[in-house]
Amino acid sequence: MTEHRQKLLIVEDDLGLQKQLKWSYEGFDVFCASNREEALALLREAEPDTKIIVVSGDGAHESALRAISAGAWDFCHTPVDIDALQLLFRREFHVRELEAQNALLQ
């Protein structure tokens, strides 16, 4: 039986940071994009219930509100705390599982 791994898409233009994040989340299937166009192409191949977590160096409260109002599921500022971000990922996957179970019950 094959293990079902959860998928993460990371959009980061720094190739070194891409590698570090990919290594940090080795329990996931990690896909990296260097820009918006690459990310959109990868998203088009993914399931439609994709949730987006924005990570930005602009930690202003307004930036978080703008990202979430534009459709992001959550917001985290840099410097990235790998463990905190992984907690966000796990919480998102848990919520997605609950949403799927709820849809089945309806």
Protein backbone atom coordinates (compact mmCIF):
# COMPACT_ATOMS: atom_id res chain seq x y z
CA MET A 1 0.00 0.00 0.00
CA THR A 2 1.36 3.43 -0.92
CA GLU A 3 1.48 6.24 1.60
CA HIS A 4 -0.66 9.29 0.78
CA ARG A 5 1.49 12.36 1.32
CA GLN A 6 0.09 15.84 1.63
CA LYS A 7 1.17 18.33 -1.02
CA LEU A 8 2.75 21.74 -0.43
CA LEU A 9 3.45 24.36 -3.04
CA ILE A 10 6.14 26.85 -2.06
CA VAL A 11 6.59 30.02 -4.09
CA GLU A 12 10.04 31.42 -3.39
CA ASP A 13 12.48 33.06 -5.79
CA ASP A 14 15.57 32.16 -3.73
CA LEU A 15 16.67 28.67 -4.87
CA GLY A 16 18.69 28.12 -1.69
CA LEU A 17 15.66 28.84 0.48
CA GLN A 18 13.55 26.57 -1.76
CA LYS A 19 15.95 23.71 -1.03
CA GLN A 20 15.98 24.48 2.69
CA LEU A 21 12.18 24.52 2.88
CA LYS A 22 11.89 21.36 0.80
CA TRP A 23 14.31 19.63 3.20
CA SER A 24 12.49 21.02 6.25
CA TYR A 25 9.17 19.53 5.08
CA GLU A 26 10.38 16.15 3.89
CA GLY A 27 7.20 14.51 5.24
CA PHE A 28 5.23 16.31 2.52
CA ASP A 29 5.32 16.26 -1.27
CA VAL A 30 6.85 19.71 -1.79
CA PHE A 31 6.60 21.54 -5.10
CA CYS A 32 8.51 24.78 -5.62
CA ALA A 33 7.83 27.66 -7.96
CA SER A 34 10.06 30.68 -8.44
CA ASN A 35 7.33 33.08 -9.50
CA ARG A 36 3.59 33.63 -9.82
CA GLU A 37 3.33 32.12 -13.31
CA GLU A 38 5.03 28.87 -12.27
CA ALA A 39 2.84 28.69 -9.17
CA LEU A 40 -0.36 29.16 -11.17
CA ALA A 41 0.68 26.43 -13.61
CA LEU A 42 1.29 24.02 -10.72
CA LEU A 43 -2.00 25.01 -9.05
CA ARG A 44 -3.93 24.28 -12.23
CA GLU A 45 -2.70 20.68 -11.99
CA ALA A 46 -3.72 20.40 -8.32
CA GLU A 47 -7.04 19.75 -6.64
CA PRO A 48 -9.48 22.72 -6.65
CA ASP A 49 -9.64 22.98 -2.84
CA THR A 50 -6.12 24.37 -2.52
CA LYS A 51 -5.49 26.53 0.51
CA ILE A 52 -2.91 29.30 0.40
CA ILE A 53 -0.67 30.43 3.24
CA VAL A 54 1.16 33.67 2.47
CA VAL A 55 4.60 34.13 3.99
CA SER A 56 6.02 37.61 3.60
CA GLY A 57 8.71 39.86 4.99
CA ASP A 58 6.13 42.62 5.18
CA GLY A 59 4.70 41.69 8.56
CA ALA A 60 2.34 44.63 8.70
CA HIS A 61 -1.16 43.88 9.91
CA GLU A 62 -2.54 45.46 6.71
CA SER A 63 -0.58 43.00 4.57
CA ALA A 64 -2.06 40.04 6.42
CA LEU A 65 -5.57 41.44 6.06
CA ARG A 66 -5.01 42.13 2.35
CA ALA A 67 -3.70 38.58 1.74
CA ILE A 68 -6.58 36.94 3.59
CA SER A 69 -9.21 39.17 1.96
CA ALA A 70 -7.72 38.16 -1.42
CA GLY A 71 -8.31 34.50 -0.59
CA ALA A 72 -5.30 33.32 1.42
CA TRP A 73 -6.14 30.85 4.17
CA ASP A 74 -3.54 32.23 6.56
CA PHE A 75 -0.55 34.56 6.81
CA CYS A 76 2.89 34.18 8.37
CA HIS A 77 5.74 36.67 8.39
CA THR A 78 9.42 36.13 7.89
CA PRO A 79 11.84 35.18 9.21
CA VAL A 80 10.09 31.85 8.91
CA ASP A 81 9.83 29.67 11.99
CA ILE A 82 9.88 26.22 10.38
CA ASP A 83 7.99 24.60 13.27
CA ALA A 84 5.30 27.31 13.38
CA LEU A 85 4.81 27.08 9.64
CA GLN A 86 4.55 23.30 9.83
CA LEU A 87 1.87 23.75 12.50
CA LEU A 88 -0.04 25.99 10.07
CA PHE A 89 0.27 23.30 7.39
CA ARG A 90 -0.96 20.57 9.71
CA ARG A 91 -3.89 22.73 10.86
CA GLU A 92 -4.85 23.49 7.26
CA PHE A 93 -4.77 19.82 6.29
CA HIS A 94 -6.87 18.95 9.34
CA VAL A 95 -9.46 21.58 8.43
CA ARG A 96 -9.51 20.34 4.82
CA GLU A 97 -10.13 16.80 6.06
CA LEU A 98 -13.00 18.03 8.25
CA GLU A 99 -14.48 19.92 5.30
CA ALA A 100 -14.32 16.78 3.14
CA GLN A 101 -16.01 14.71 5.85
CA ASN A 102 -18.69 17.36 6.25
CA ALA A 103 -19.33 17.40 2.49
CA LEU A 104 -19.75 13.61 2.53
CA LEU A 105 -22.24 13.80 5.39
CA GLN A 106 -24.34 16.36 3.54
